[in-house]
Amino acid sequence: MIDVLYFAWLRERIGAPKERIETGATTVEELVEELKLRSEAHALAFSDMASVRVAVDQDLTEMSASLEGAREVAFFPPMTGG
């Protein structure tokens, strides 16, 4: 089981702040493909991956990152400073 967290407009599009899911994905990229198949809302939220960032167990990472041993994956829009 893995906890998937959604922030900002991703949470709004999916309609939930988090989900606990069973996955066979071995990378973040594979997880995203699985999530897109869950619902039309998921597919819309992940339709433009250029505007989505990811953290695995609270460490910023790339879409190619391994999920081996991961307990949490968080998706959010790019951070802005100011």
PDB file of N, CA and C in Angstrom:
ATOM      1  N   MET A   1       0.841  -1.187   0.000  1.00  0.00           N
ATOM      2  CA  MET A   1       0.000   0.000   0.000  1.00  0.00           C
ATOM      3  C   MET A   1       0.881   1.243   0.000  1.00  0.00           C
ATOM      4  N   ILE A   2       0.398   2.259  -0.681  1.00  0.00           N
ATOM      5  CA  ILE A   2       1.133   3.508  -0.750  1.00  0.00           C
ATOM      6  C   ILE A   2       0.135   4.662  -0.605  1.00  0.00           C
ATOM      7  N   ASP A   3       0.526   5.688   0.112  1.00  0.00           N
ATOM      8  CA  ASP A   3      -0.305   6.888   0.239  1.00  0.00           C
ATOM      9  C   ASP A   3       0.068   7.839  -0.881  1.00  0.00           C
ATOM     10  N   VAL A   4      -0.950   8.309  -1.607  1.00  0.00           N
ATOM     11  CA  VAL A   4      -0.741   9.275  -2.680  1.00  0.00           C
ATOM     12  C   VAL A   4      -1.415  10.573  -2.249  1.00  0.00           C
ATOM     13  N   LEU A   5      -0.622  11.643  -2.160  1.00  0.00           N
ATOM     14  CA  LEU A   5      -1.123  12.940  -1.714  1.00  0.00           C
ATOM     15  C   LEU A   5      -1.210  13.901  -2.892  1.00  0.00           C
ATOM     16  N   TYR A   6      -2.263  14.715  -2.889  1.00  0.00           N
ATOM     17  CA  TYR A   6      -2.480  15.708  -3.948  1.00  0.00           C
ATOM     18  C   TYR A   6      -2.575  17.091  -3.331  1.00  0.00           C
ATOM     19  N   PHE A   7      -1.924  18.061  -3.956  1.00  0.00           N
ATOM     20  CA  PHE A   7      -1.939  19.429  -3.450  1.00  0.00           C
ATOM     21  C   PHE A   7      -2.416  20.408  -4.513  1.00  0.00           C
ATOM     22  N   ALA A   8      -2.954  21.535  -4.036  1.00  0.00           N
ATOM     23  CA  ALA A   8      -3.382  22.662  -4.890  1.00  0.00           C
ATOM     24  C   ALA A   8      -4.388  22.195  -5.940  1.00  0.00           C
ATOM     25  N   TRP A   9      -4.199  22.595  -7.197  1.00  0.00           N
ATOM     26  CA  TRP A   9      -5.193  22.289  -8.225  1.00  0.00           C
ATOM     27  C   TRP A   9      -5.296  20.801  -8.529  1.00  0.00           C
ATOM     28  N   LEU A  10      -4.270  20.021  -8.224  1.00  0.00           N
ATOM     29  CA  LEU A  10      -4.388  18.572  -8.400  1.00  0.00           C
ATOM     30  C   LEU A  10      -5.445  18.009  -7.450  1.00  0.00           C
ATOM     31  N   ARG A  11      -5.419  18.473  -6.210  1.00  0.00           N
ATOM     32  CA  ARG A  11      -6.429  18.041  -5.228  1.00  0.00           C
ATOM     33  C   ARG A  11      -7.818  18.449  -5.686  1.00  0.00           C
ATOM     34  N   GLU A  12      -7.938  19.667  -6.215  1.00  0.00           N
ATOM     35  CA  GLU A  12      -9.241  20.150  -6.681  1.00  0.00           C
ATOM     36  C   GLU A  12      -9.760  19.323  -7.854  1.00  0.00           C
ATOM     37  N   ARG A  13      -8.906  19.009  -8.798  1.00  0.00           N
ATOM     38  CA  ARG A  13      -9.333  18.237  -9.976  1.00  0.00           C
ATOM     39  C   ARG A  13      -9.697  16.803  -9.616  1.00  0.00           C
ATOM     40  N   ILE A  14      -8.925  16.192  -8.721  1.00  0.00           N
ATOM     41  CA  ILE A  14      -9.185  14.806  -8.346  1.00  0.00           C
ATOM     42  C   ILE A  14     -10.319  14.717  -7.334  1.00  0.00           C
ATOM     43  N   GLY A  15     -10.464  15.749  -6.525  1.00  0.00           N
ATOM     44  CA  GLY A  15     -11.561  15.783  -5.566  1.00  0.00           C
ATOM     45  C   GLY A  15     -11.236  15.130  -4.236  1.00  0.00           C
ATOM     46  N   ALA A  16      -9.954  14.935  -3.970  1.00  0.00           N
ATOM     47  CA  ALA A  16      -9.537  14.323  -2.702  1.00  0.00           C
ATOM     48  C   ALA A  16      -8.117  14.768  -2.379  1.00  0.00           C
ATOM     49  N   PRO A  17      -7.799  14.939  -1.098  1.00  0.00           N
ATOM     50  CA  PRO A  17      -6.435  15.324  -0.727  1.00  0.00           C
ATOM     51  C   PRO A  17      -5.458  14.151  -0.756  1.00  0.00           C
ATOM     52  N   LYS A  18      -5.987  12.914  -0.609  1.00  0.00           N
ATOM     53  CA  LYS A  18      -5.103  11.749  -0.618  1.00  0.00           C
ATOM     54  C   LYS A  18      -5.884  10.477  -0.879  1.00  0.00           C
ATOM     55  N   GLU A  19      -5.131   9.455  -1.279  1.00  0.00           N
ATOM     56  CA  GLU A  19      -5.685   8.130  -1.493  1.00  0.00           C
ATOM     57  C   GLU A  19      -4.662   7.127  -0.985  1.00  0.00           C
ATOM     58  N   ARG A  20      -5.124   6.022  -0.496  1.00  0.00           N
ATOM     59  CA  ARG A  20      -4.239   4.902  -0.159  1.00  0.00           C
ATOM     60  C   ARG A  20      -4.533   3.832  -1.200  1.00  0.00           C
ATOM     61  N   ILE A  21      -3.503   3.481  -1.967  1.00  0.00           N
ATOM     62  CA  ILE A  21      -3.743   2.550  -3.065  1.00  0.00           C
ATOM     63  C   ILE A  21      -2.764   1.386  -3.046  1.00  0.00           C
ATOM     64  N   GLU A  22      -3.190   0.314  -3.659  1.00  0.00           N
ATOM     65  CA  GLU A  22      -2.347  -0.842  -3.918  1.00  0.00           C
ATOM     66  C   GLU A  22      -1.857  -0.662  -5.344  1.00  0.00           C
ATOM     67  N   THR A  23      -0.557  -0.766  -5.564  1.00  0.00           N
ATOM     68  CA  THR A  23      -0.016  -0.538  -6.892  1.00  0.00           C
ATOM     69  C   THR A  23       1.072  -1.545  -7.228  1.00  0.00           C
ATOM     70  N   GLY A  24       1.176  -1.837  -8.509  1.00  0.00           N
ATOM     71  CA  GLY A  24       2.257  -2.675  -9.001  1.00  0.00           C
ATOM     72  C   GLY A  24       3.347  -1.835  -9.641  1.00  0.00           C
ATOM     73  N   ALA A  25       3.183  -0.514  -9.600  1.00  0.00           N
ATOM     74  CA  ALA A  25       4.143   0.400 -10.221  1.00  0.00           C
ATOM     75  C   ALA A  25       5.499   0.314  -9.538  1.00  0.00           C
ATOM     76  N   THR A  26       6.551   0.379 -10.343  1.00  0.00           N
ATOM     77  CA  THR A  26       7.903   0.358  -9.786  1.00  0.00           C
ATOM     78  C   THR A  26       8.560   1.733  -9.852  1.00  0.00           C
ATOM     79  N   THR A  27       7.960   2.654 -10.624  1.00  0.00           N
ATOM     80  CA  THR A  27       8.476   4.024 -10.718  1.00  0.00           C
ATOM     81  C   THR A  27       7.314   4.998 -10.592  1.00  0.00           C
ATOM     82  N   VAL A  28       7.638   6.249 -10.337  1.00  0.00           N
ATOM     83  CA  VAL A  28       6.607   7.285 -10.264  1.00  0.00           C
ATOM     84  C   VAL A  28       5.865   7.360 -11.598  1.00  0.00           C
ATOM     85  N   GLU A  29       6.599   7.285 -12.680  1.00  0.00           N
ATOM     86  CA  GLU A  29       5.996   7.353 -14.015  1.00  0.00           C
ATOM     87  C   GLU A  29       4.942   6.261 -14.206  1.00  0.00           C
ATOM     88  N   GLU A  30       5.246   5.041 -13.782  1.00  0.00           N
ATOM     89  CA  GLU A  30       4.279   3.947 -13.872  1.00  0.00           C
ATOM     90  C   GLU A  30       3.073   4.203 -12.973  1.00  0.00           C
ATOM     91  N   LEU A  31       3.310   4.761 -11.808  1.00  0.00           N
ATOM     92  CA  LEU A  31       2.219   5.095 -10.898  1.00  0.00           C
ATOM     93  C   LEU A  31       1.280   6.111 -11.538  1.00  0.00           C
ATOM     94  N   VAL A  32       1.837   7.130 -12.175  1.00  0.00           N
ATOM     95  CA  VAL A  32       1.009   8.140 -12.843  1.00  0.00           C
ATOM     96  C   VAL A  32       0.138   7.482 -13.905  1.00  0.00           C
ATOM     97  N   GLU A  33       0.702   6.560 -14.676  1.00  0.00           N
ATOM     98  CA  GLU A  33      -0.088   5.874 -15.708  1.00  0.00           C
ATOM     99  C   GLU A  33      -1.232   5.084 -15.074  1.00  0.00           C
ATOM    100  N   GLU A  34      -0.976   4.432 -13.949  1.00  0.00           N
ATOM    101  CA  GLU A  34      -2.044   3.722 -13.227  1.00  0.00           C
ATOM    102  C   GLU A  34      -3.112   4.695 -12.733  1.00  0.00           C
ATOM    103  N   LEU A  35      -2.673   5.812 -12.167  1.00  0.00           N
ATOM    104  CA  LEU A  35      -3.618   6.793 -11.627  1.00  0.00           C
ATOM    105  C   LEU A  35      -4.508   7.370 -12.720  1.00  0.00           C
ATOM    106  N   LYS A  36      -3.946   7.611 -13.890  1.00  0.00           N
ATOM    107  CA  LYS A  36      -4.728   8.157 -15.011  1.00  0.00           C
ATOM    108  C   LYS A  36      -5.904   7.258 -15.371  1.00  0.00           C
ATOM    109  N   LEU A  37      -5.761   5.964 -15.132  1.00  0.00           N
ATOM    110  CA  LEU A  37      -6.817   5.004 -15.462  1.00  0.00           C
ATOM    111  C   LEU A  37      -7.901   4.906 -14.389  1.00  0.00           C
ATOM    112  N   ARG A  38      -7.675   5.506 -13.229  1.00  0.00           N
ATOM    113  CA  ARG A  38      -8.638   5.411 -12.119  1.00  0.00           C
ATOM    114  C   ARG A  38      -9.932   6.151 -12.395  1.00  0.00           C
ATOM    115  N   SER A  39      -9.818   7.327 -13.050  1.00  0.00           N
ATOM    116  CA  SER A  39     -11.024   8.114 -13.342  1.00  0.00           C
ATOM    117  C   SER A  39     -10.699   9.197 -14.357  1.00  0.00           C
ATOM    118  N   GLU A  40     -11.733   9.787 -14.885  1.00  0.00           N
ATOM    119  CA  GLU A  40     -11.558  10.909 -15.801  1.00  0.00           C
ATOM    120  C   GLU A  40     -10.889  12.083 -15.083  1.00  0.00           C
ATOM    121  N   ALA A  41     -11.222  12.285 -13.819  1.00  0.00           N
ATOM    122  CA  ALA A  41     -10.621  13.377 -13.035  1.00  0.00           C
ATOM    123  C   ALA A  41      -9.119  13.172 -12.879  1.00  0.00           C
ATOM    124  N   HIS A  42      -8.697  11.935 -12.625  1.00  0.00           N
ATOM    125  CA  HIS A  42      -7.271  11.635 -12.523  1.00  0.00           C
ATOM    126  C   HIS A  42      -6.583  11.892 -13.863  1.00  0.00           C
ATOM    127  N   ALA A  43      -7.210  11.430 -14.944  1.00  0.00           N
ATOM    128  CA  ALA A  43      -6.627  11.618 -16.276  1.00  0.00           C
ATOM    129  C   ALA A  43      -6.444  13.109 -16.569  1.00  0.00           C
ATOM    130  N   LEU A  44      -7.422  13.923 -16.203  1.00  0.00           N
ATOM    131  CA  LEU A  44      -7.318  15.366 -16.415  1.00  0.00           C
ATOM    132  C   LEU A  44      -6.210  15.964 -15.555  1.00  0.00           C
ATOM    133  N   ALA A  45      -6.152  15.573 -14.295  1.00  0.00           N
ATOM    134  CA  ALA A  45      -5.150  16.127 -13.385  1.00  0.00           C
ATOM    135  C   ALA A  45      -3.728  15.833 -13.864  1.00  0.00           C
ATOM    136  N   PHE A  46      -3.523  14.666 -14.460  1.00  0.00           N
ATOM    137  CA  PHE A  46      -2.184  14.270 -14.894  1.00  0.00           C
ATOM    138  C   PHE A  46      -1.980  14.411 -16.399  1.00  0.00           C
ATOM    139  N   SER A  47      -2.812  15.204 -17.052  1.00  0.00           N
ATOM    140  CA  SER A  47      -2.710  15.352 -18.508  1.00  0.00           C
ATOM    141  C   SER A  47      -1.511  16.188 -18.939  1.00  0.00           C
ATOM    142  N   ASP A  48      -1.031  17.089 -18.088  1.00  0.00           N
ATOM    143  CA  ASP A  48       0.121  17.921 -18.429  1.00  0.00           C
ATOM    144  C   ASP A  48       1.176  17.762 -17.344  1.00  0.00           C
ATOM    145  N   MET A  49       2.029  16.773 -17.505  1.00  0.00           N
ATOM    146  CA  MET A  49       3.018  16.461 -16.476  1.00  0.00           C
ATOM    147  C   MET A  49       4.123  17.507 -16.383  1.00  0.00           C
ATOM    148  N   ALA A  50       4.214  18.400 -17.357  1.00  0.00           N
ATOM    149  CA  ALA A  50       5.211  19.475 -17.280  1.00  0.00           C
ATOM    150  C   ALA A  50       4.898  20.428 -16.133  1.00  0.00           C
ATOM    151  N   SER A  51       3.636  20.440 -15.694  1.00  0.00           N
ATOM    152  CA  SER A  51       3.248  21.340 -14.612  1.00  0.00           C
ATOM    153  C   SER A  51       2.994  20.601 -13.298  1.00  0.00           C
ATOM    154  N   VAL A  52       3.589  19.414 -13.161  1.00  0.00           N
ATOM    155  CA  VAL A  52       3.433  18.619 -11.944  1.00  0.00           C
ATOM    156  C   VAL A  52       4.815  18.245 -11.414  1.00  0.00           C
ATOM    157  N   ARG A  53       4.997  18.422 -10.120  1.00  0.00           N
ATOM    158  CA  ARG A  53       6.216  17.998  -9.437  1.00  0.00           C
ATOM    159  C   ARG A  53       5.860  16.835  -8.512  1.00  0.00           C
ATOM    160  N   VAL A  54       6.888  16.093  -8.109  1.00  0.00           N
ATOM    161  CA  VAL A  54       6.635  14.907  -7.288  1.00  0.00           C
ATOM    162  C   VAL A  54       7.678  14.785  -6.187  1.00  0.00           C
ATOM    163  N   ALA A  55       7.221  14.257  -5.054  1.00  0.00           N
ATOM    164  CA  ALA A  55       8.116  13.915  -3.953  1.00  0.00           C
ATOM    165  C   ALA A  55       7.788  12.487  -3.516  1.00  0.00           C
ATOM    166  N   VAL A  56       8.828  11.713  -3.265  1.00  0.00           N
ATOM    167  CA  VAL A  56       8.661  10.356  -2.747  1.00  0.00           C
ATOM    168  C   VAL A  56       9.208  10.362  -1.329  1.00  0.00           C
ATOM    169  N   ASP A  57       8.359  10.003  -0.391  1.00  0.00           N
ATOM    170  CA  ASP A  57       8.711  10.038   1.028  1.00  0.00           C
ATOM    171  C   ASP A  57       9.329  11.384   1.404  1.00  0.00           C
ATOM    172  N   GLN A  58       8.713  12.446   0.917  1.00  0.00           N
ATOM    173  CA  GLN A  58       9.021  13.846   1.220  1.00  0.00           C
ATOM    174  C   GLN A  58      10.341  14.338   0.636  1.00  0.00           C
ATOM    175  N   ASP A  59      10.894  13.614  -0.330  1.00  0.00           N
ATOM    176  CA  ASP A  59      12.092  14.062  -1.045  1.00  0.00           C
ATOM    177  C   ASP A  59      11.717  14.367  -2.483  1.00  0.00           C
ATOM    178  N   LEU A  60      11.983  15.601  -2.933  1.00  0.00           N
ATOM    179  CA  LEU A  60      11.732  15.953  -4.325  1.00  0.00           C
ATOM    180  C   LEU A  60      12.499  15.017  -5.231  1.00  0.00           C
ATOM    181  N   THR A  61      11.846  14.572  -6.293  1.00  0.00           N
ATOM    182  CA  THR A  61      12.485  13.614  -7.181  1.00  0.00           C
ATOM    183  C   THR A  61      11.949  13.753  -8.593  1.00  0.00           C
ATOM    184  N   GLU A  62      12.414  12.878  -9.462  1.00  0.00           N
ATOM    185  CA  GLU A  62      12.011  12.867 -10.867  1.00  0.00           C
ATOM    186  C   GLU A  62      10.948  11.793 -11.098  1.00  0.00           C
ATOM    187  N   MET A  63      10.306  11.878 -12.242  1.00  0.00           N
ATOM    188  CA  MET A  63       9.268  10.908 -12.588  1.00  0.00           C
ATOM    189  C   MET A  63       9.839   9.492 -12.743  1.00  0.00           C
ATOM    190  N   SER A  64      11.120   9.394 -13.025  1.00  0.00           N
ATOM    191  CA  SER A  64      11.752   8.085 -13.202  1.00  0.00           C
ATOM    192  C   SER A  64      12.157   7.433 -11.876  1.00  0.00           C
ATOM    193  N   ALA A  65      11.896   8.115 -10.756  1.00  0.00           N
ATOM    194  CA  ALA A  65      12.319   7.613  -9.446  1.00  0.00           C
ATOM    195  C   ALA A  65      11.653   6.287  -9.100  1.00  0.00           C
ATOM    196  N   SER A  66      12.411   5.449  -8.425  1.00  0.00           N
ATOM    197  CA  SER A  66      11.917   4.152  -7.972  1.00  0.00           C
ATOM    198  C   SER A  66      10.931   4.320  -6.826  1.00  0.00           C
ATOM    199  N   LEU A  67       9.967   3.422  -6.773  1.00  0.00           N
ATOM    200  CA  LEU A  67       9.014   3.392  -5.659  1.00  0.00           C
ATOM    201  C   LEU A  67       9.340   2.268  -4.677  1.00  0.00           C
ATOM    202  N   GLU A  68      10.457   1.603  -4.866  1.00  0.00           N
ATOM    203  CA  GLU A  68      10.824   0.503  -3.988  1.00  0.00           C
ATOM    204  C   GLU A  68      10.925   0.994  -2.542  1.00  0.00           C
ATOM    205  N   GLY A  69      10.126   0.407  -1.673  1.00  0.00           N
ATOM    206  CA  GLY A  69      10.126   0.769  -0.267  1.00  0.00           C
ATOM    207  C   GLY A  69       9.404   2.074   0.060  1.00  0.00           C
ATOM    208  N   ALA A  70       8.858   2.745  -0.944  1.00  0.00           N
ATOM    209  CA  ALA A  70       8.191   4.034  -0.711  1.00  0.00           C
ATOM    210  C   ALA A  70       6.873   3.835   0.034  1.00  0.00           C
ATOM    211  N   ARG A  71       6.586   4.781   0.917  1.00  0.00           N
ATOM    212  CA  ARG A  71       5.319   4.765   1.655  1.00  0.00           C
ATOM    213  C   ARG A  71       4.397   5.888   1.211  1.00  0.00           C
ATOM    214  N   GLU A  72       4.983   6.958   0.610  1.00  0.00           N
ATOM    215  CA  GLU A  72       4.182   8.130   0.264  1.00  0.00           C
ATOM    216  C   GLU A  72       4.713   8.778  -1.014  1.00  0.00           C
ATOM    217  N   VAL A  73       3.780   9.152  -1.881  1.00  0.00           N
ATOM    218  CA  VAL A  73       4.113   9.923  -3.076  1.00  0.00           C
ATOM    219  C   VAL A  73       3.199  11.147  -3.076  1.00  0.00           C
ATOM    220  N   ALA A  74       3.793  12.316  -3.244  1.00  0.00           N
ATOM    221  CA  ALA A  74       3.021  13.563  -3.251  1.00  0.00           C
ATOM    222  C   ALA A  74       3.182  14.241  -4.604  1.00  0.00           C
ATOM    223  N   PHE A  75       2.051  14.721  -5.147  1.00  0.00           N
ATOM    224  CA  PHE A  75       2.038  15.454  -6.405  1.00  0.00           C
ATOM    225  C   PHE A  75       1.579  16.869  -6.141  1.00  0.00           C
ATOM    226  N   PHE A  76       2.260  17.842  -6.751  1.00  0.00           N
ATOM    227  CA  PHE A  76       1.934  19.250  -6.528  1.00  0.00           C
ATOM    228  C   PHE A  76       2.456  20.085  -7.699  1.00  0.00           C
ATOM    229  N   PRO A  77       1.914  21.304  -7.848  1.00  0.00           N
ATOM    230  CA  PRO A  77       2.402  22.178  -8.909  1.00  0.00           C
ATOM    231  C   PRO A  77       3.774  22.727  -8.541  1.00  0.00           C
ATOM    232  N   PRO A  78       4.510  23.273  -9.536  1.00  0.00           N
ATOM    233  CA  PRO A  78       5.818  23.845  -9.236  1.00  0.00           C
ATOM    234  C   PRO A  78       5.702  24.925  -8.153  1.00  0.00           C
ATOM    235  N   MET A  79       6.703  24.978  -7.309  1.00  0.00           N
ATOM    236  CA  MET A  79       6.714  25.963  -6.235  1.00  0.00           C
ATOM    237  C   MET A  79       7.238  27.285  -6.792  1.00  0.00           C
ATOM    238  N   THR A  80       6.691  28.361  -6.277  1.00  0.00           N
ATOM    239  CA  THR A  80       7.180  29.688  -6.671  1.00  0.00           C
ATOM    240  C   THR A  80       7.705  30.387  -5.431  1.00  0.00           C
ATOM    241  N   GLY A  81       8.693  31.193  -5.629  1.00  0.00           N
ATOM    242  CA  GLY A  81       9.260  31.944  -4.500  1.00  0.00           C
ATOM    243  C   GLY A  81       8.741  33.370  -4.489  1.00  0.00           C
ATOM    244  N   GLY A  82       9.099  34.075  -3.469  1.00  0.00           N
ATOM    245  CA  GLY A  82       8.631  35.447  -3.484  1.00  0.00           C
ATOM    246  C   GLY A  82       8.886  36.189  -2.249  1.00  0.00           C
TER     247      GLY A  82
END
